[in-house]
C-alpha atoms as a PDB file:
ATOM      1  CA  MET A   1     -15.266 -10.630 -22.853  1.00  0.00           C
ATOM      2  CA  SER A   2     -17.844 -13.704 -22.672  1.00  0.00           C
ATOM      3  CA  LYS A   3     -19.933 -13.822 -19.552  1.00  0.00           C
ATOM      4  CA  ASN A   4     -19.987 -17.434 -19.519  1.00  0.00           C
ATOM      5  CA  ILE A   5     -16.050 -16.818 -18.633  1.00  0.00           C
ATOM      6  CA  GLU A   6     -15.191 -17.281 -14.617  1.00  0.00           C
ATOM      7  CA  LEU A   7     -12.781 -14.873 -13.576  1.00  0.00           C
ATOM      8  CA  LYS A   8     -10.155 -15.653 -11.304  1.00  0.00           C
ATOM      9  CA  LYS A   9     -10.410 -13.204  -8.286  1.00  0.00           C
ATOM     10  CA  LYS A  10      -7.970 -11.191  -6.697  1.00  0.00           C
ATOM     11  CA  LYS A  11      -8.769  -9.115  -3.376  1.00  0.00           C
ATOM     12  CA  ILE A  12      -5.737  -6.212  -2.228  1.00  0.00           C
ATOM     13  CA  LEU A  13      -5.702  -4.231   0.566  1.00  0.00           C
ATOM     14  CA  VAL A  14      -4.383  -0.638   0.314  1.00  0.00           C
ATOM     15  CA  LEU A  15      -3.398  -0.139   3.928  1.00  0.00           C
ATOM     16  CA  GLY A  16      -0.690   3.004   5.494  1.00  0.00           C
ATOM     17  CA  LEU A  17      -1.306   6.171   7.246  1.00  0.00           C
ATOM     18  CA  GLU A  18      -2.696   9.045   6.103  1.00  0.00           C
ATOM     19  CA  LYS A  19      -1.782  11.227   3.015  1.00  0.00           C
ATOM     20  CA  SER A  20       1.050   8.388   2.409  1.00  0.00           C
ATOM     21  CA  GLY A  21      -0.121   8.278  -1.218  1.00  0.00           C
ATOM     22  CA  LYS A  22      -2.197   5.245  -1.374  1.00  0.00           C
ATOM     23  CA  THR A  23      -5.052   6.681  -3.286  1.00  0.00           C
ATOM     24  CA  SER A  24      -2.710   7.675  -5.991  1.00  0.00           C
ATOM     25  CA  ILE A  25      -1.024   4.433  -6.251  1.00  0.00           C
ATOM     26  CA  VAL A  26      -4.805   2.655  -6.579  1.00  0.00           C
ATOM     27  CA  LEU A  27      -5.251   5.528  -8.789  1.00  0.00           C
ATOM     28  CA  ASN A  28      -2.230   4.175 -10.820  1.00  0.00           C
ATOM     29  CA  PHE A  29      -3.135   1.010 -10.820  1.00  0.00           C
ATOM     30  CA  ILE A  30      -6.480   0.940 -12.080  1.00  0.00           C
ATOM     31  CA  GLY A  31      -5.549   3.525 -14.812  1.00  0.00           C
ATOM     32  CA  LYS A  32      -7.117   6.394 -14.095  1.00  0.00           C
ATOM     33  CA  VAL A  33      -3.550   8.903 -13.947  1.00  0.00           C
ATOM     34  CA  ASN A  34      -4.497  12.082 -15.411  1.00  0.00           C
ATOM     35  CA  LEU A  35      -4.233  15.212 -13.371  1.00  0.00           C
ATOM     36  CA  SER A  36      -7.774  16.287 -12.394  1.00  0.00           C
ATOM     37  CA  ASN A  37      -7.962  12.708 -10.630  1.00  0.00           C
ATOM     38  CA  TYR A  38      -4.984  13.312  -8.144  1.00  0.00           C
ATOM     39  CA  ILE A  39      -6.118  16.792  -7.953  1.00  0.00           C
ATOM     40  CA  THR A  40      -9.816  16.341  -6.773  1.00  0.00           C
ATOM     41  CA  LEU A  41      -9.011  13.644  -4.578  1.00  0.00           C
ATOM     42  CA  ASN A  42     -11.387  13.810  -1.640  1.00  0.00           C
ATOM     43  CA  LYS A  43     -12.743  12.016   1.657  1.00  0.00           C
ATOM     44  CA  TYR A  44     -13.994   8.924   1.016  1.00  0.00           C
ATOM     45  CA  LYS A  45     -15.274   6.050   2.483  1.00  0.00           C
ATOM     46  CA  SER A  46     -13.490   3.584   4.156  1.00  0.00           C
ATOM     47  CA  PRO A  47     -12.508   1.676   2.297  1.00  0.00           C
ATOM     48  CA  ASN A  48     -12.911   2.867  -1.150  1.00  0.00           C
ATOM     49  CA  ILE A  49     -13.183  -0.485  -3.008  1.00  0.00           C
ATOM     50  CA  ASN A  50     -12.423  -0.346  -6.605  1.00  0.00           C
ATOM     51  CA  VAL A  51     -12.480  -3.148  -9.676  1.00  0.00           C
ATOM     52  CA  LEU A  52      -9.991  -3.439 -12.632  1.00  0.00           C
ATOM     53  CA  GLU A  53     -10.570  -6.536 -14.905  1.00  0.00           C
ATOM     54  CA  THR A  54      -8.335  -7.843 -16.955  1.00  0.00           C
ATOM     55  CA  ASP A  55      -9.161 -10.981 -19.412  1.00  0.00           C
ATOM     56  CA  ASP A  56      -8.709 -13.568 -16.985  1.00  0.00           C
ATOM     57  CA  LEU A  57      -8.041 -11.407 -13.483  1.00  0.00           C
ATOM     58  CA  ARG A  58     -10.784  -9.285 -11.573  1.00  0.00           C
ATOM     59  CA  PHE A  59      -9.006  -7.362  -8.930  1.00  0.00           C
ATOM     60  CA  ASN A  60     -11.106  -6.182  -5.746  1.00  0.00           C
ATOM     61  CA  ILE A  61      -8.924  -2.924  -4.345  1.00  0.00           C
ATOM     62  CA  TRP A  62      -9.586  -2.122  -0.869  1.00  0.00           C
ATOM     63  CA  ASP A  63      -8.421   1.312  -0.202  1.00  0.00           C
ATOM     64  CA  PHE A  64      -8.452   2.274   3.096  1.00  0.00           C
ATOM     65  CA  CYS A  65      -8.191   5.383   4.900  1.00  0.00           C
ATOM     66  CA  GLY A  66      -5.168   6.031   6.500  1.00  0.00           C
ATOM     67  CA  LYS A  67      -6.165   8.074   9.711  1.00  0.00           C
ATOM     68  CA  GLU A  68      -6.312   7.061  13.575  1.00  0.00           C
ATOM     69  CA  VAL A  69      -9.688   6.222  13.669  1.00  0.00           C
ATOM     70  CA  LYS A  70      -9.897   4.276  10.384  1.00  0.00           C
ATOM     71  CA  ARG A  71      -6.622   2.188  11.316  1.00  0.00           C
ATOM     72  CA  ASN A  72      -8.082   1.410  14.565  1.00  0.00           C
ATOM     73  CA  GLU A  73     -11.221   0.422  13.119  1.00  0.00           C
ATOM     74  CA  PHE A  74      -9.931  -1.694  10.376  1.00  0.00           C
ATOM     75  CA  LEU A  75      -7.825  -3.022  13.345  1.00  0.00           C
ATOM     76  CA  THR A  76     -10.746  -4.043  15.260  1.00  0.00           C
ATOM     77  CA  ASN A  77     -12.928  -5.436  11.969  1.00  0.00           C
ATOM     78  CA  PHE A  78      -9.597  -7.140  10.880  1.00  0.00           C
ATOM     79  CA  ASP A  79     -10.972 -10.766  10.672  1.00  0.00           C
ATOM     80  CA  GLU A  80     -13.853  -9.378   8.386  1.00  0.00           C
ATOM     81  CA  TYR A  81     -11.094  -7.290   6.471  1.00  0.00           C
ATOM     82  CA  ILE A  82      -8.994  -9.653   5.901  1.00  0.00           C
ATOM     83  CA  LEU A  83     -11.704 -12.694   3.950  1.00  0.00           C
ATOM     84  CA  ASN A  84     -10.132 -13.941   0.939  1.00  0.00           C
ATOM     85  CA  THR A  85      -7.395 -11.021   0.496  1.00  0.00           C
ATOM     86  CA  GLU A  86      -4.115 -12.277  -1.275  1.00  0.00           C
ATOM     87  CA  GLU A  87      -2.345  -9.161  -1.168  1.00  0.00           C
ATOM     88  CA  ILE A  88      -1.412  -5.711   0.935  1.00  0.00           C
ATOM     89  CA  PHE A  89      -0.165  -3.037  -0.904  1.00  0.00           C
ATOM     90  CA  TYR A  90       1.436  -1.143   1.970  1.00  0.00           C
ATOM     91  CA  VAL A  91       2.342   2.478   1.223  1.00  0.00           C
ATOM     92  CA  ILE A  92       4.893   4.507   3.109  1.00  0.00           C
ATOM     93  CA  ASP A  93       5.812   7.966   2.847  1.00  0.00           C
ATOM     94  CA  ILE A  94       9.321   7.994   2.947  1.00  0.00           C
ATOM     95  CA  GLN A  95       9.607  12.511   2.598  1.00  0.00           C
ATOM     96  CA  ASP A  96       7.824  12.067   6.000  1.00  0.00           C
ATOM     97  CA  LEU A  97      10.588  10.712   8.363  1.00  0.00           C
ATOM     98  CA  LYS A  98       8.386  11.745  11.325  1.00  0.00           C
ATOM     99  CA  SER A  99       5.829   8.980  10.484  1.00  0.00           C
ATOM    100  CA  TYR A 100       8.034   6.265  10.187  1.00  0.00           C
ATOM    101  CA  GLU A 101       7.682   4.739  13.760  1.00  0.00           C
ATOM    102  CA  LEU A 102       3.817   4.861  13.081  1.00  0.00           C
ATOM    103  CA  THR A 103       3.615   2.926  10.060  1.00  0.00           C
ATOM    104  CA  LEU A 104       6.079   0.651  11.545  1.00  0.00           C
ATOM    105  CA  LYS A 105       3.894  -0.022  14.486  1.00  0.00           C
ATOM    106  CA  PHE A 106       0.943  -0.123  12.056  1.00  0.00           C
ATOM    107  CA  LEU A 107       2.799  -3.078  10.189  1.00  0.00           C
ATOM    108  CA  GLN A 108       3.716  -4.578  12.731  1.00  0.00           C
ATOM    109  CA  GLU A 109      -0.187  -4.610  14.144  1.00  0.00           C
ATOM    110  CA  ILE A 110      -1.150  -6.132  11.312  1.00  0.00           C
ATOM    111  CA  ILE A 111       1.424  -8.744  11.337  1.00  0.00           C
ATOM    112  CA  GLU A 112       0.503  -9.705  14.428  1.00  0.00           C
ATOM    113  CA  LYS A 113      -3.283 -10.620  13.536  1.00  0.00           C
ATOM    114  CA  LEU A 114      -2.634 -12.033  10.485  1.00  0.00           C
ATOM    115  CA  LYS A 115      -0.194 -14.681  13.314  1.00  0.00           C
ATOM    116  CA  LYS A 116      -2.686 -15.056  14.896  1.00  0.00           C
ATOM    117  CA  LEU A 117      -5.316 -15.840  12.498  1.00  0.00           C
ATOM    118  CA  LYS A 118      -2.653 -17.970  10.971  1.00  0.00           C
ATOM    119  CA  ILE A 119      -2.984 -16.242   7.523  1.00  0.00           C
ATOM    120  CA  LYS A 120      -0.482 -15.529   4.839  1.00  0.00           C
ATOM    121  CA  VAL A 121      -0.892 -12.772   2.758  1.00  0.00           C
ATOM    122  CA  GLU A 122       1.640 -10.986  -0.118  1.00  0.00           C
ATOM    123  CA  PHE A 123       2.611  -7.746   0.822  1.00  0.00           C
ATOM    124  CA  THR A 124       4.114  -5.384  -1.828  1.00  0.00           C
ATOM    125  CA  PHE A 125       5.768  -2.343   0.102  1.00  0.00           C
ATOM    126  CA  PHE A 126       5.464   1.172  -1.725  1.00  0.00           C
ATOM    127  CA  LEU A 127       8.044   3.625  -0.305  1.00  0.00           C
ATOM    128  CA  HIS A 128       5.976   6.034  -1.995  1.00  0.00           C
ATOM    129  CA  LYS A 129       7.193   9.606  -3.072  1.00  0.00           C
ATOM    130  CA  TYR A 130      10.613   9.131  -4.053  1.00  0.00           C
ATOM    131  CA  ASP A 131      10.607  11.793  -6.106  1.00  0.00           C
ATOM    132  CA  GLN A 132      13.525  13.049  -8.586  1.00  0.00           C
ATOM    133  CA  ASP A 133      14.579  15.794  -6.839  1.00  0.00           C
ATOM    134  CA  LEU A 134      14.215  13.870  -3.121  1.00  0.00           C
ATOM    135  CA  PHE A 135      17.565  14.178  -1.926  1.00  0.00           C
ATOM    136  CA  GLU A 136      17.398  17.974  -3.012  1.00  0.00           C
ATOM    137  CA  LYS A 137      14.443  18.881  -2.072  1.00  0.00           C
ATOM    138  CA  LEU A 138      14.698  17.165   1.250  1.00  0.00           C
ATOM    139  CA  PRO A 139      18.400  17.343   2.423  1.00  0.00           C
ATOM    140  CA  SER A 140      17.319  15.542   5.910  1.00  0.00           C
ATOM    141  CA  ILE A 141      16.446  12.124   4.034  1.00  0.00           C
ATOM    142  CA  SER A 142      19.530  10.050   2.540  1.00  0.00           C
ATOM    143  CA  ILE A 143      19.877   6.430   0.856  1.00  0.00           C
ATOM    144  CA  GLU A 144      21.220   5.694   4.579  1.00  0.00           C
ATOM    145  CA  ILE A 145      17.781   6.361   5.987  1.00  0.00           C
ATOM    146  CA  ILE A 146      16.058   5.043   3.601  1.00  0.00           C
ATOM    147  CA  ASP A 147      17.880   1.896   3.747  1.00  0.00           C
ATOM    148  CA  ASN A 148      17.363   2.208   7.795  1.00  0.00           C
ATOM    149  CA  LEU A 149      13.754   1.999   6.946  1.00  0.00           C
ATOM    150  CA  ILE A 150      13.835  -0.851   4.258  1.00  0.00           C
ATOM    151  CA  ALA A 151      15.730  -2.979   7.464  1.00  0.00           C
ATOM    152  CA  LYS A 152      13.379  -2.117   9.872  1.00  0.00           C
ATOM    153  CA  ILE A 153      10.325  -3.522   7.062  1.00  0.00           C
ATOM    154  CA  LYS A 154      12.634  -6.335   6.655  1.00  0.00           C
ATOM    155  CA  GLU A 155      12.887  -7.047  10.504  1.00  0.00           C
ATOM    156  CA  VAL A 156       9.041  -6.983  10.529  1.00  0.00           C
ATOM    157  CA  VAL A 157       7.756  -8.856   7.846  1.00  0.00           C
ATOM    158  CA  PRO A 158       8.179 -12.499   8.917  1.00  0.00           C
ATOM    159  CA  SER A 159      11.480 -13.808   6.317  1.00  0.00           C
ATOM    160  CA  GLU A 160       8.484 -16.633   4.885  1.00  0.00           C
ATOM    161  CA  ASP A 161       6.119 -14.501   3.465  1.00  0.00           C
ATOM    162  CA  PHE A 162       6.731 -13.606   0.288  1.00  0.00           C
ATOM    163  CA  HIS A 163       7.042  -9.309  -0.261  1.00  0.00           C
ATOM    164  CA  GLU A 164       8.343  -7.170  -2.545  1.00  0.00           C
ATOM    165  CA  ILE A 165       9.709  -3.568  -2.168  1.00  0.00           C
ATOM    166  CA  PHE A 166       9.107  -0.522  -4.481  1.00  0.00           C
ATOM    167  CA  LYS A 167      10.141   2.653  -4.645  1.00  0.00           C
ATOM    168  CA  THR A 168       7.742   4.977  -6.118  1.00  0.00           C
ATOM    169  CA  THR A 169       6.339   8.254  -7.365  1.00  0.00           C
ATOM    170  CA  ILE A 170       3.528   9.340  -9.513  1.00  0.00           C
ATOM    171  CA  TYR A 171       5.660  11.695 -11.407  1.00  0.00           C
ATOM    172  CA  THR A 172       6.484   9.228 -13.958  1.00  0.00           C
ATOM    173  CA  VAL A 173       3.220   6.887 -13.763  1.00  0.00           C
ATOM    174  CA  LEU A 174       4.101   4.411 -10.727  1.00  0.00           C
ATOM    175  CA  ASP A 175       7.599   4.655 -11.898  1.00  0.00           C
ATOM    176  CA  LYS A 176       8.747   1.542  -9.985  1.00  0.00           C
ATOM    177  CA  ILE A 177      12.175   0.899  -8.765  1.00  0.00           C
ATOM    178  CA  HIS A 178      12.921  -2.496  -7.457  1.00  0.00           C
ATOM    179  CA  VAL A 179      14.971  -2.288  -4.115  1.00  0.00           C
ATOM    180  CA  TYR A 180      14.081  -5.884  -2.735  1.00  0.00           C
END
């Protein structure tokens, strides 16, 4: 690639609760999909910024830690982090039923900050860990529960904002099932 060509830049924030699978999705997105990368996931300084370049695009992917203290830090410094952001990847661990309320609350706080600043970004939601044997492994999860979660996401995200929702799993290298 010629150094004279100015790449179009796209900044993506990757958000969600701790252990939702954010970093796994980033690893898939940037093409680091070997088993050793998943086994050696470490704690990192938040945000961890990854760059992916294509022929004409440079993706700056900001992967944020989902621990409560880091989420609060993100919200406190929201104006700084959201600057030049075009898209938010929001990751939800669908296997962690107990976290649904908290993750929707965090999402609502993000939406409220965006509204206050009159900033529009695209959202891509990843209902992550939607593994092939999900319903066998976790009988407490049902299609109705997941549909209810999707309905709640749609309630939180303003209808005029563009968003997509995918069911994902790392077992099939970011196998995505588009649901909305």
